[in-house]
Amino acid sequence: MAKATNKKKDLDASAEEKIMTAARAVFTRNGYAATTVRDIAAEADLNFSLVNYYFRSKEKLFELIMLEAIKQLLSGLINLLNDPDTSAVEKIDAVCPKYMDMLLEHPDLPLFVMTGIANNAVSSSEITKALIENNIFLQSYFLKQLQELFSKNKLAIEPLHLLMNMVSMLTMPFVARPMLLRSGAVDTKMFRQMMEDRKQKIPIWLKAMM
């Protein structure tokens, strides 16, 4: 009986993961409004009723995926950003390559989160809460260090501008990635090579702004 129960749990976990993976792909490709549960079921190669069985609705599934994506995109760097023993410059050198590595592993994340927010598909209070709680850059010791440098005229650019430049330089190529690939401007291999190059250059560019 125990073996049968464990097998069912494994099947449930496998089906849920397939549905979430498929939903992430379809939501990213089509947008929230244009996506149906049947689209997700077809992408996952599962019966339509299974999607409703595991997740109840498109809205609930989108909320779960958005929460996961936000945490993945905006967290993971908290210890580096809040390290009291490193300078602002040292934090830039540490954060940029680590964040870029995460984006290279999950290249669709920035576009998925951005389109979800832009299309007002994130009305859930849980998602709003996650956006606030995981806004690690604006709540970081790193920002306090930048503000202190700016107040002492040791920083040539306003702290929030530097933060926006940092996040934009890292994430915007991934937002533009589908267009670049479809237009033939780059292929997957070339895009990755460029991001590996940016991993080294972005800290240099940021420090030049300082």
N, C-alpha and C. Protein backbone atom coordinates (compact mmCIF):
# COMPACT_ATOMS: atom_id res chain seq x y z
N MET A 1 0.82 -1.21 0.00
CA MET A 1 0.00 0.00 0.00
C MET A 1 0.86 1.26 0.00
N ALA A 2 1.96 1.18 0.81
CA ALA A 2 2.87 2.32 0.89
C ALA A 2 3.52 2.59 -0.46
N LYS A 3 3.89 1.52 -1.18
CA LYS A 3 4.51 1.68 -2.49
C LYS A 3 3.55 2.33 -3.47
N ALA A 4 2.28 1.93 -3.41
CA ALA A 4 1.28 2.52 -4.30
C ALA A 4 1.09 4.00 -4.00
N THR A 5 1.10 4.35 -2.71
CA THR A 5 0.96 5.76 -2.31
C THR A 5 2.13 6.59 -2.80
N ASN A 6 3.35 6.04 -2.63
CA ASN A 6 4.56 6.75 -3.08
C ASN A 6 4.56 6.93 -4.60
N LYS A 7 4.08 5.89 -5.30
CA LYS A 7 4.04 5.97 -6.76
C LYS A 7 3.08 7.07 -7.20
N LYS A 8 1.92 7.18 -6.51
CA LYS A 8 0.96 8.22 -6.84
C LYS A 8 1.55 9.60 -6.59
N LYS A 9 2.28 9.74 -5.47
CA LYS A 9 2.91 11.03 -5.17
C LYS A 9 3.92 11.41 -6.24
N ASP A 10 4.70 10.40 -6.71
CA ASP A 10 5.69 10.66 -7.76
C ASP A 10 5.00 11.09 -9.05
N LEU A 11 3.90 10.40 -9.38
CA LEU A 11 3.15 10.74 -10.59
C LEU A 11 2.56 12.15 -10.47
N ASP A 12 2.03 12.48 -9.28
CA ASP A 12 1.46 13.80 -9.05
C ASP A 12 2.53 14.88 -9.23
N ALA A 13 3.71 14.64 -8.62
CA ALA A 13 4.79 15.61 -8.71
C ALA A 13 5.25 15.78 -10.15
N SER A 14 5.33 14.68 -10.88
CA SER A 14 5.76 14.73 -12.28
C SER A 14 4.76 15.49 -13.13
N ALA A 15 3.47 15.22 -12.92
CA ALA A 15 2.43 15.90 -13.69
C ALA A 15 2.40 17.39 -13.37
N GLU A 16 2.51 17.74 -12.10
CA GLU A 16 2.50 19.14 -11.69
C GLU A 16 3.67 19.89 -12.31
N GLU A 17 4.85 19.26 -12.30
CA GLU A 17 6.02 19.92 -12.86
C GLU A 17 5.88 20.09 -14.37
N LYS A 18 5.33 19.08 -15.04
CA LYS A 18 5.11 19.19 -16.49
C LYS A 18 4.14 20.33 -16.81
N ILE A 19 3.09 20.43 -16.01
CA ILE A 19 2.09 21.49 -16.23
C ILE A 19 2.71 22.86 -15.98
N MET A 20 3.48 23.00 -14.92
CA MET A 20 4.09 24.30 -14.61
C MET A 20 5.11 24.70 -15.68
N THR A 21 5.90 23.73 -16.13
CA THR A 21 6.88 24.01 -17.18
C THR A 21 6.18 24.43 -18.47
N ALA A 22 5.11 23.71 -18.81
CA ALA A 22 4.35 24.05 -20.02
C ALA A 22 3.69 25.41 -19.88
N ALA A 23 3.10 25.67 -18.73
CA ALA A 23 2.40 26.95 -18.51
C ALA A 23 3.38 28.11 -18.60
N ARG A 24 4.55 27.95 -18.02
CA ARG A 24 5.57 29.01 -18.07
C ARG A 24 5.91 29.33 -19.52
N ALA A 25 6.07 28.27 -20.33
CA ALA A 25 6.42 28.47 -21.74
C ALA A 25 5.29 29.15 -22.51
N VAL A 26 4.05 28.72 -22.28
CA VAL A 26 2.92 29.27 -23.02
C VAL A 26 2.61 30.70 -22.58
N PHE A 27 2.65 30.95 -21.27
CA PHE A 27 2.42 32.31 -20.78
C PHE A 27 3.46 33.27 -21.35
N THR A 28 4.71 32.83 -21.39
CA THR A 28 5.79 33.67 -21.92
C THR A 28 5.59 33.93 -23.40
N ARG A 29 5.18 32.91 -24.11
CA ARG A 29 5.03 33.02 -25.57
C ARG A 29 3.78 33.80 -25.97
N ASN A 30 2.66 33.54 -25.30
CA ASN A 30 1.38 34.11 -25.72
C ASN A 30 0.89 35.27 -24.87
N GLY A 31 1.44 35.40 -23.66
CA GLY A 31 0.89 36.37 -22.72
C GLY A 31 -0.24 35.75 -21.93
N TYR A 32 -0.55 36.37 -20.81
CA TYR A 32 -1.56 35.80 -19.91
C TYR A 32 -2.95 35.77 -20.56
N ALA A 33 -3.38 36.88 -21.12
CA ALA A 33 -4.75 36.98 -21.63
C ALA A 33 -5.02 36.01 -22.77
N ALA A 34 -4.01 35.79 -23.63
CA ALA A 34 -4.21 34.94 -24.81
C ALA A 34 -3.99 33.46 -24.53
N THR A 35 -3.63 33.11 -23.33
CA THR A 35 -3.38 31.72 -22.97
C THR A 35 -4.63 31.08 -22.38
N THR A 36 -4.91 29.86 -22.80
CA THR A 36 -6.03 29.10 -22.24
C THR A 36 -5.50 27.86 -21.54
N VAL A 37 -6.34 27.27 -20.71
CA VAL A 37 -5.96 26.03 -20.03
C VAL A 37 -5.71 24.93 -21.06
N ARG A 38 -6.48 24.95 -22.15
CA ARG A 38 -6.28 23.94 -23.20
C ARG A 38 -4.91 24.10 -23.87
N ASP A 39 -4.45 25.35 -24.02
CA ASP A 39 -3.11 25.59 -24.58
C ASP A 39 -2.05 24.96 -23.69
N ILE A 40 -2.21 25.14 -22.39
CA ILE A 40 -1.24 24.61 -21.43
C ILE A 40 -1.26 23.09 -21.43
N ALA A 41 -2.47 22.51 -21.46
CA ALA A 41 -2.59 21.05 -21.49
C ALA A 41 -1.94 20.48 -22.75
N ALA A 42 -2.14 21.15 -23.89
CA ALA A 42 -1.54 20.68 -25.14
C ALA A 42 -0.02 20.75 -25.08
N GLU A 43 0.49 21.84 -24.51
CA GLU A 43 1.95 22.00 -24.39
C GLU A 43 2.54 20.93 -23.50
N ALA A 44 1.81 20.58 -22.44
CA ALA A 44 2.29 19.57 -21.49
C ALA A 44 2.01 18.15 -21.97
N ASP A 45 1.21 18.04 -23.05
CA ASP A 45 0.80 16.74 -23.58
C ASP A 45 0.06 15.93 -22.51
N LEU A 46 -0.84 16.64 -21.82
CA LEU A 46 -1.65 16.02 -20.78
C LEU A 46 -3.12 16.35 -21.03
N ASN A 47 -4.00 15.57 -20.41
CA ASN A 47 -5.43 15.81 -20.53
C ASN A 47 -5.81 17.15 -19.92
N PHE A 48 -6.72 17.85 -20.60
CA PHE A 48 -7.19 19.16 -20.15
C PHE A 48 -7.66 19.14 -18.69
N SER A 49 -8.36 18.09 -18.32
CA SER A 49 -8.93 18.01 -16.96
C SER A 49 -7.86 17.93 -15.89
N LEU A 50 -6.67 17.40 -16.25
CA LEU A 50 -5.60 17.29 -15.25
C LEU A 50 -5.10 18.65 -14.79
N VAL A 51 -5.08 19.62 -15.71
CA VAL A 51 -4.62 20.96 -15.34
C VAL A 51 -5.55 21.55 -14.29
N ASN A 52 -6.85 21.42 -14.51
CA ASN A 52 -7.82 21.91 -13.52
C ASN A 52 -7.76 21.11 -12.23
N TYR A 53 -7.49 19.82 -12.34
CA TYR A 53 -7.41 18.96 -11.15
C TYR A 53 -6.28 19.41 -10.23
N TYR A 54 -5.12 19.69 -10.81
CA TYR A 54 -3.96 20.05 -10.00
C TYR A 54 -3.94 21.53 -9.60
N PHE A 55 -4.46 22.42 -10.46
CA PHE A 55 -4.29 23.85 -10.20
C PHE A 55 -5.59 24.66 -10.16
N ARG A 56 -6.71 24.04 -10.42
CA ARG A 56 -8.05 24.64 -10.28
C ARG A 56 -8.40 25.66 -11.37
N SER A 57 -7.44 26.53 -11.74
CA SER A 57 -7.75 27.56 -12.74
C SER A 57 -6.48 28.11 -13.35
N LYS A 58 -6.64 28.78 -14.48
CA LYS A 58 -5.51 29.45 -15.13
C LYS A 58 -4.93 30.51 -14.21
N GLU A 59 -5.81 31.23 -13.52
CA GLU A 59 -5.37 32.31 -12.64
C GLU A 59 -4.48 31.80 -11.52
N LYS A 60 -4.89 30.67 -10.91
CA LYS A 60 -4.11 30.10 -9.81
C LYS A 60 -2.76 29.61 -10.30
N LEU A 61 -2.75 28.98 -11.46
CA LEU A 61 -1.50 28.48 -12.04
C LEU A 61 -0.56 29.63 -12.35
N PHE A 62 -1.10 30.70 -12.93
CA PHE A 62 -0.27 31.85 -13.24
C PHE A 62 0.31 32.47 -11.96
N GLU A 63 -0.51 32.57 -10.93
CA GLU A 63 -0.05 33.13 -9.66
C GLU A 63 1.11 32.33 -9.10
N LEU A 64 1.01 30.99 -9.11
CA LEU A 64 2.08 30.15 -8.56
C LEU A 64 3.37 30.31 -9.36
N ILE A 65 3.24 30.37 -10.68
CA ILE A 65 4.43 30.50 -11.52
C ILE A 65 5.06 31.88 -11.35
N MET A 66 4.23 32.92 -11.26
CA MET A 66 4.75 34.27 -11.05
C MET A 66 5.48 34.37 -9.72
N LEU A 67 4.91 33.80 -8.66
CA LEU A 67 5.57 33.83 -7.35
C LEU A 67 6.93 33.16 -7.42
N GLU A 68 6.98 32.02 -8.07
CA GLU A 68 8.24 31.29 -8.23
C GLU A 68 9.24 32.11 -9.03
N ALA A 69 8.77 32.73 -10.12
CA ALA A 69 9.65 33.50 -11.00
C ALA A 69 10.19 34.75 -10.31
N ILE A 70 9.33 35.44 -9.57
CA ILE A 70 9.75 36.65 -8.86
C ILE A 70 10.83 36.33 -7.84
N LYS A 71 10.61 35.27 -7.08
CA LYS A 71 11.60 34.89 -6.07
C LYS A 71 12.91 34.50 -6.71
N GLN A 72 12.82 33.81 -7.86
CA GLN A 72 14.02 33.38 -8.55
C GLN A 72 14.77 34.57 -9.15
N LEU A 73 14.00 35.51 -9.68
CA LEU A 73 14.61 36.66 -10.36
C LEU A 73 15.16 37.70 -9.39
N LEU A 74 14.49 37.91 -8.27
CA LEU A 74 14.86 39.00 -7.37
C LEU A 74 15.55 38.58 -6.09
N SER A 75 15.65 37.27 -5.88
CA SER A 75 16.34 36.81 -4.68
C SER A 75 17.59 36.04 -5.06
N GLY A 76 18.26 35.46 -4.07
CA GLY A 76 19.47 34.70 -4.35
C GLY A 76 20.73 35.53 -4.24
N LEU A 77 20.57 36.85 -4.20
CA LEU A 77 21.73 37.73 -4.10
C LEU A 77 21.77 38.47 -2.77
N ILE A 78 20.81 38.17 -1.92
CA ILE A 78 20.63 38.97 -0.71
C ILE A 78 21.87 38.99 0.19
N ASN A 79 22.54 37.85 0.31
CA ASN A 79 23.73 37.81 1.17
C ASN A 79 24.85 38.67 0.61
N LEU A 80 25.00 38.68 -0.72
CA LEU A 80 26.04 39.51 -1.34
C LEU A 80 25.72 40.99 -1.19
N LEU A 81 24.46 41.36 -1.41
CA LEU A 81 24.07 42.77 -1.35
C LEU A 81 24.09 43.33 0.06
N ASN A 82 23.93 42.47 1.04
CA ASN A 82 23.87 42.93 2.44
C ASN A 82 25.12 42.61 3.24
N ASP A 83 26.17 42.18 2.58
CA ASP A 83 27.42 41.87 3.27
C ASP A 83 28.04 43.15 3.82
N PRO A 84 28.18 43.28 5.14
CA PRO A 84 28.73 44.51 5.72
C PRO A 84 30.25 44.63 5.54
N ASP A 85 30.88 43.54 5.11
CA ASP A 85 32.34 43.53 5.02
C ASP A 85 32.88 43.80 3.62
N THR A 86 31.99 44.06 2.66
CA THR A 86 32.46 44.37 1.30
C THR A 86 32.02 45.76 0.90
N SER A 87 32.82 46.40 0.08
CA SER A 87 32.50 47.75 -0.39
C SER A 87 31.46 47.68 -1.50
N ALA A 88 30.94 48.84 -1.89
CA ALA A 88 29.96 48.91 -2.99
C ALA A 88 30.57 48.38 -4.29
N VAL A 89 31.83 48.72 -4.53
CA VAL A 89 32.52 48.25 -5.74
C VAL A 89 32.68 46.74 -5.71
N GLU A 90 33.05 46.20 -4.57
CA GLU A 90 33.21 44.74 -4.44
C GLU A 90 31.86 44.04 -4.64
N LYS A 91 30.80 44.67 -4.20
CA LYS A 91 29.47 44.08 -4.40
C LYS A 91 29.11 44.03 -5.88
N ILE A 92 29.44 45.07 -6.62
CA ILE A 92 29.18 45.08 -8.06
C ILE A 92 29.94 43.94 -8.73
N ASP A 93 31.20 43.76 -8.34
CA ASP A 93 32.02 42.68 -8.92
C ASP A 93 31.47 41.30 -8.60
N ALA A 94 30.83 41.16 -7.45
CA ALA A 94 30.31 39.86 -7.03
C ALA A 94 28.91 39.59 -7.58
N VAL A 95 28.05 40.63 -7.55
CA VAL A 95 26.64 40.45 -7.90
C VAL A 95 26.43 40.25 -9.40
N CYS A 96 27.10 41.04 -10.22
CA CYS A 96 26.84 41.01 -11.67
C CYS A 96 27.06 39.62 -12.28
N PRO A 97 28.21 38.98 -12.06
CA PRO A 97 28.38 37.65 -12.66
C PRO A 97 27.43 36.60 -12.10
N LYS A 98 27.14 36.68 -10.80
CA LYS A 98 26.23 35.71 -10.20
C LYS A 98 24.82 35.86 -10.77
N TYR A 99 24.37 37.09 -10.90
CA TYR A 99 23.03 37.35 -11.44
C TYR A 99 22.96 36.94 -12.90
N MET A 100 24.01 37.23 -13.65
CA MET A 100 24.05 36.86 -15.06
C MET A 100 24.01 35.34 -15.23
N ASP A 101 24.72 34.62 -14.37
CA ASP A 101 24.69 33.15 -14.43
C ASP A 101 23.28 32.62 -14.21
N MET A 102 22.55 33.22 -13.27
CA MET A 102 21.18 32.80 -13.01
C MET A 102 20.29 33.07 -14.22
N LEU A 103 20.48 34.23 -14.86
CA LEU A 103 19.68 34.57 -16.03
C LEU A 103 20.00 33.66 -17.22
N LEU A 104 21.25 33.29 -17.36
CA LEU A 104 21.63 32.37 -18.43
C LEU A 104 21.01 30.99 -18.22
N GLU A 105 20.83 30.62 -16.97
CA GLU A 105 20.19 29.34 -16.65
C GLU A 105 18.69 29.40 -16.87
N HIS A 106 18.10 30.60 -16.67
CA HIS A 106 16.65 30.78 -16.83
C HIS A 106 16.39 32.01 -17.71
N PRO A 107 16.70 31.94 -19.01
CA PRO A 107 16.67 33.14 -19.87
C PRO A 107 15.29 33.73 -20.10
N ASP A 108 14.22 32.97 -19.87
CA ASP A 108 12.88 33.51 -20.11
C ASP A 108 12.30 34.25 -18.90
N LEU A 109 12.97 34.19 -17.76
CA LEU A 109 12.42 34.78 -16.54
C LEU A 109 12.15 36.28 -16.63
N PRO A 110 13.10 37.10 -17.08
CA PRO A 110 12.85 38.55 -17.10
C PRO A 110 11.64 38.93 -17.95
N LEU A 111 11.52 38.33 -19.14
CA LEU A 111 10.39 38.66 -20.02
C LEU A 111 9.07 38.18 -19.42
N PHE A 112 9.09 37.00 -18.80
CA PHE A 112 7.88 36.46 -18.20
C PHE A 112 7.37 37.37 -17.09
N VAL A 113 8.27 37.79 -16.19
CA VAL A 113 7.86 38.65 -15.08
C VAL A 113 7.44 40.03 -15.60
N MET A 114 8.19 40.58 -16.54
CA MET A 114 7.88 41.92 -17.04
C MET A 114 6.54 41.96 -17.76
N THR A 115 6.26 40.98 -18.62
CA THR A 115 4.99 40.98 -19.35
C THR A 115 3.83 40.72 -18.40
N GLY A 116 4.03 39.90 -17.39
CA GLY A 116 2.98 39.65 -16.42
C GLY A 116 2.59 40.91 -15.68
N ILE A 117 3.58 41.71 -15.30
CA ILE A 117 3.32 42.96 -14.60
C ILE A 117 2.71 44.00 -15.56
N ALA A 118 3.29 44.11 -16.75
CA ALA A 118 2.83 45.11 -17.72
C ALA A 118 1.39 44.88 -18.17
N ASN A 119 0.99 43.61 -18.23
CA ASN A 119 -0.37 43.29 -18.70
C ASN A 119 -1.39 43.24 -17.58
N ASN A 120 -0.99 43.71 -16.40
CA ASN A 120 -1.90 43.73 -15.24
C ASN A 120 -2.44 42.35 -14.90
N ALA A 121 -1.61 41.34 -15.15
CA ALA A 121 -2.03 39.98 -14.83
C ALA A 121 -1.66 39.60 -13.41
N VAL A 122 -1.11 40.54 -12.68
CA VAL A 122 -0.60 40.22 -11.34
C VAL A 122 -1.38 41.00 -10.29
N SER A 123 -2.68 40.87 -10.30
CA SER A 123 -3.50 41.58 -9.33
C SER A 123 -3.53 40.89 -7.97
N SER A 124 -3.03 39.65 -7.91
CA SER A 124 -3.04 38.90 -6.66
C SER A 124 -2.27 39.64 -5.57
N SER A 125 -2.84 39.67 -4.36
CA SER A 125 -2.16 40.30 -3.23
C SER A 125 -0.88 39.55 -2.89
N GLU A 126 -0.87 38.23 -3.12
CA GLU A 126 0.33 37.44 -2.85
C GLU A 126 1.47 37.84 -3.78
N ILE A 127 1.15 38.11 -5.03
CA ILE A 127 2.17 38.52 -5.99
C ILE A 127 2.67 39.92 -5.66
N THR A 128 1.77 40.82 -5.33
CA THR A 128 2.17 42.17 -4.93
C THR A 128 3.09 42.11 -3.71
N LYS A 129 2.74 41.28 -2.76
CA LYS A 129 3.56 41.10 -1.56
C LYS A 129 4.93 40.56 -1.92
N ALA A 130 4.97 39.59 -2.84
CA ALA A 130 6.25 39.01 -3.25
C ALA A 130 7.14 40.03 -3.94
N LEU A 131 6.54 40.89 -4.77
CA LEU A 131 7.31 41.94 -5.44
C LEU A 131 7.96 42.88 -4.44
N ILE A 132 7.22 43.20 -3.38
CA ILE A 132 7.74 44.10 -2.35
C ILE A 132 8.82 43.40 -1.52
N GLU A 133 8.52 42.18 -1.06
CA GLU A 133 9.43 41.46 -0.17
C GLU A 133 10.73 41.07 -0.86
N ASN A 134 10.67 40.82 -2.17
CA ASN A 134 11.85 40.37 -2.89
C ASN A 134 12.56 41.49 -3.64
N ASN A 135 12.17 42.73 -3.36
CA ASN A 135 12.84 43.86 -3.99
C ASN A 135 14.14 44.14 -3.26
N ILE A 136 15.05 43.19 -3.42
CA ILE A 136 16.26 43.17 -2.59
C ILE A 136 17.20 44.32 -2.88
N PHE A 137 17.18 44.87 -4.09
CA PHE A 137 18.10 45.96 -4.41
C PHE A 137 17.73 47.23 -3.63
N LEU A 138 16.44 47.55 -3.59
CA LEU A 138 16.01 48.78 -2.92
C LEU A 138 16.04 48.66 -1.40
N GLN A 139 16.13 47.46 -0.89
CA GLN A 139 16.16 47.26 0.55
C GLN A 139 17.54 46.82 1.04
N SER A 140 18.54 47.00 0.21
CA SER A 140 19.85 46.42 0.49
C SER A 140 20.81 47.38 1.19
N TYR A 141 21.79 46.78 1.83
CA TYR A 141 22.90 47.53 2.42
C TYR A 141 23.72 48.17 1.30
N PHE A 142 23.73 47.53 0.14
CA PHE A 142 24.41 48.06 -1.05
C PHE A 142 23.89 49.45 -1.39
N LEU A 143 22.56 49.62 -1.40
CA LEU A 143 21.97 50.93 -1.70
C LEU A 143 22.37 51.95 -0.63
N LYS A 144 22.39 51.53 0.62
CA LYS A 144 22.80 52.45 1.70
C LYS A 144 24.25 52.90 1.50
N GLN A 145 25.10 51.99 1.07
CA GLN A 145 26.50 52.35 0.80
C GLN A 145 26.59 53.38 -0.33
N LEU A 146 25.80 53.16 -1.39
CA LEU A 146 25.79 54.11 -2.51
C LEU A 146 25.28 55.48 -2.06
N GLN A 147 24.24 55.49 -1.24
CA GLN A 147 23.67 56.75 -0.74
C GLN A 147 24.69 57.50 0.12
N GLU A 148 25.44 56.75 0.91
CA GLU A 148 26.46 57.38 1.75
C GLU A 148 27.57 57.98 0.90
N LEU A 149 28.00 57.25 -0.12
CA LEU A 149 29.03 57.77 -1.03
C LEU A 149 28.53 59.03 -1.73
N PHE A 150 27.27 59.01 -2.16
CA PHE A 150 26.69 60.16 -2.87
C PHE A 150 26.61 61.38 -1.96
N SER A 151 26.24 61.16 -0.71
CA SER A 151 26.12 62.26 0.24
C SER A 151 27.47 62.90 0.53
N LYS A 152 28.54 62.13 0.35
CA LYS A 152 29.90 62.64 0.58
C LYS A 152 30.57 63.08 -0.71
N ASN A 153 29.78 63.20 -1.79
CA ASN A 153 30.29 63.60 -3.10
C ASN A 153 31.37 62.65 -3.63
N LYS A 154 31.24 61.36 -3.27
CA LYS A 154 32.20 60.36 -3.74
C LYS A 154 31.58 59.44 -4.80
N LEU A 155 30.38 59.82 -5.24
CA LEU A 155 29.69 59.04 -6.27
C LEU A 155 29.16 60.03 -7.30
N ALA A 156 29.53 59.82 -8.58
CA ALA A 156 29.20 60.79 -9.62
C ALA A 156 27.80 60.62 -10.19
N ILE A 157 27.09 59.58 -9.77
CA ILE A 157 25.76 59.30 -10.30
C ILE A 157 24.82 59.02 -9.13
N GLU A 158 23.58 59.45 -9.24
CA GLU A 158 22.63 59.20 -8.16
C GLU A 158 22.46 57.70 -7.94
N PRO A 159 22.37 57.27 -6.69
CA PRO A 159 22.30 55.83 -6.37
C PRO A 159 21.21 55.07 -7.13
N LEU A 160 20.01 55.64 -7.22
CA LEU A 160 18.93 54.92 -7.91
C LEU A 160 19.19 54.80 -9.40
N HIS A 161 19.84 55.81 -9.99
CA HIS A 161 20.21 55.70 -11.40
C HIS A 161 21.20 54.57 -11.60
N LEU A 162 22.17 54.46 -10.69
CA LEU A 162 23.16 53.39 -10.81
C LEU A 162 22.50 52.03 -10.67
N LEU A 163 21.57 51.90 -9.72
CA LEU A 163 20.85 50.65 -9.54
C LEU A 163 20.04 50.29 -10.78
N MET A 164 19.32 51.29 -11.33
CA MET A 164 18.52 51.03 -12.52
C MET A 164 19.40 50.62 -13.69
N ASN A 165 20.55 51.28 -13.83
CA ASN A 165 21.48 50.92 -14.90
C ASN A 165 21.99 49.49 -14.72
N MET A 166 22.29 49.15 -13.49
CA MET A 166 22.82 47.82 -13.19
C MET A 166 21.81 46.73 -13.55
N VAL A 167 20.58 46.90 -13.06
CA VAL A 167 19.54 45.89 -13.33
C VAL A 167 19.20 45.86 -14.81
N SER A 168 19.13 47.02 -15.45
CA SER A 168 18.80 47.08 -16.87
C SER A 168 19.86 46.41 -17.73
N MET A 169 21.11 46.71 -17.45
CA MET A 169 22.21 46.12 -18.22
C MET A 169 22.20 44.60 -18.14
N LEU A 170 21.81 44.09 -16.99
CA LEU A 170 21.80 42.64 -16.79
C LEU A 170 20.58 41.98 -17.42
N THR A 171 19.41 42.60 -17.27
CA THR A 171 18.17 41.92 -17.64
C THR A 171 17.64 42.24 -19.03
N MET A 172 17.84 43.47 -19.52
CA MET A 172 17.20 43.87 -20.78
C MET A 172 17.61 43.03 -21.99
N PRO A 173 18.86 42.58 -22.09
CA PRO A 173 19.17 41.69 -23.23
C PRO A 173 18.31 40.43 -23.24
N PHE A 174 17.92 39.95 -22.07
CA PHE A 174 17.09 38.74 -22.00
C PHE A 174 15.65 39.05 -22.38
N VAL A 175 15.20 40.27 -22.10
CA VAL A 175 13.87 40.70 -22.54
C VAL A 175 13.84 40.79 -24.07
N ALA A 176 14.95 41.26 -24.65
CA ALA A 176 15.04 41.40 -26.11
C ALA A 176 15.43 40.11 -26.81
N ARG A 177 15.78 39.09 -26.04
CA ARG A 177 16.30 37.84 -26.61
C ARG A 177 15.39 37.21 -27.67
N PRO A 178 14.08 37.06 -27.44
CA PRO A 178 13.23 36.46 -28.48
C PRO A 178 13.28 37.22 -29.80
N MET A 179 13.25 38.55 -29.73
CA MET A 179 13.30 39.37 -30.94
C MET A 179 14.64 39.19 -31.65
N LEU A 180 15.73 39.18 -30.87
CA LEU A 180 17.06 39.02 -31.47
C LEU A 180 17.21 37.67 -32.16
N LEU A 181 16.68 36.63 -31.53
CA LEU A 181 16.78 35.29 -32.11
C LEU A 181 15.92 35.16 -33.36
N ARG A 182 14.69 35.67 -33.30
CA ARG A 182 13.77 35.55 -34.44
C ARG A 182 14.22 36.39 -35.63
N SER A 183 14.85 37.52 -35.35
CA SER A 183 15.31 38.38 -36.44
C SER A 183 16.57 37.86 -37.11
N GLY A 184 17.23 36.90 -36.46
CA GLY A 184 18.47 36.37 -37.01
C GLY A 184 19.68 37.20 -36.65
N ALA A 185 19.50 38.22 -35.81
CA ALA A 185 20.63 39.05 -35.40
C ALA A 185 21.67 38.23 -34.66
N VAL A 186 21.20 37.27 -33.87
CA VAL A 186 22.08 36.35 -33.15
C VAL A 186 21.44 34.97 -33.16
N ASP A 187 22.24 33.95 -32.90
CA ASP A 187 21.68 32.63 -32.62
C ASP A 187 21.90 32.34 -31.14
N THR A 188 21.43 31.19 -30.67
CA THR A 188 21.51 30.89 -29.25
C THR A 188 22.95 30.88 -28.73
N LYS A 189 23.83 30.30 -29.51
CA LYS A 189 25.24 30.23 -29.10
C LYS A 189 25.86 31.62 -29.03
N MET A 190 25.58 32.45 -30.03
CA MET A 190 26.14 33.80 -30.06
C MET A 190 25.60 34.64 -28.91
N PHE A 191 24.29 34.49 -28.63
CA PHE A 191 23.70 35.25 -27.52
C PHE A 191 24.38 34.88 -26.21
N ARG A 192 24.59 33.61 -25.99
CA ARG A 192 25.24 33.19 -24.74
C ARG A 192 26.67 33.73 -24.65
N GLN A 193 27.39 33.71 -25.76
CA GLN A 193 28.75 34.26 -25.77
C GLN A 193 28.75 35.74 -25.42
N MET A 194 27.76 36.46 -25.97
CA MET A 194 27.66 37.89 -25.68
C MET A 194 27.36 38.13 -24.20
N MET A 195 26.49 37.31 -23.61
CA MET A 195 26.16 37.46 -22.19
C MET A 195 27.36 37.11 -21.31
N GLU A 196 28.13 36.12 -21.71
CA GLU A 196 29.35 35.80 -20.97
C GLU A 196 30.32 36.98 -21.02
N ASP A 197 30.36 37.64 -22.17
CA ASP A 197 31.21 38.83 -22.33
C ASP A 197 30.69 39.97 -21.46
N ARG A 198 29.36 40.17 -21.45
CA ARG A 198 28.77 41.23 -20.63
C ARG A 198 28.98 40.97 -19.14
N LYS A 199 29.05 39.71 -18.77
CA LYS A 199 29.28 39.36 -17.37
C LYS A 199 30.58 40.01 -16.86
N GLN A 200 31.56 40.09 -17.73
CA GLN A 200 32.84 40.70 -17.36
C GLN A 200 32.82 42.22 -17.54
N LYS A 201 32.09 42.69 -18.55
CA LYS A 201 32.15 44.12 -18.90
C LYS A 201 31.21 45.00 -18.08
N ILE A 202 30.06 44.48 -17.67
CA ILE A 202 29.10 45.31 -16.95
C ILE A 202 29.70 45.90 -15.67
N PRO A 203 30.41 45.13 -14.85
CA PRO A 203 31.05 45.76 -13.68
C PRO A 203 31.99 46.90 -14.07
N ILE A 204 32.70 46.75 -15.16
CA ILE A 204 33.63 47.80 -15.63
C ILE A 204 32.84 49.04 -16.00
N TRP A 205 31.76 48.87 -16.76
CA TRP A 205 30.93 50.00 -17.17
C TRP A 205 30.31 50.71 -15.98
N LEU A 206 29.82 49.93 -15.02
CA LEU A 206 29.19 50.53 -13.84
C LEU A 206 30.18 51.33 -13.02
N LYS A 207 31.36 50.76 -12.84
CA LYS A 207 32.39 51.46 -12.04
C LYS A 207 32.85 52.74 -12.73
N ALA A 208 32.79 52.74 -14.08
CA ALA A 208 33.15 53.97 -14.81
C ALA A 208 32.13 55.07 -14.58
N MET A 209 30.86 54.69 -14.30
CA MET A 209 29.82 55.67 -14.01
C MET A 209 29.98 56.28 -12.62
N MET A 210 30.64 55.55 -11.76
CA MET A 210 30.75 55.97 -10.36
C MET A 210 31.74 57.11 -10.16
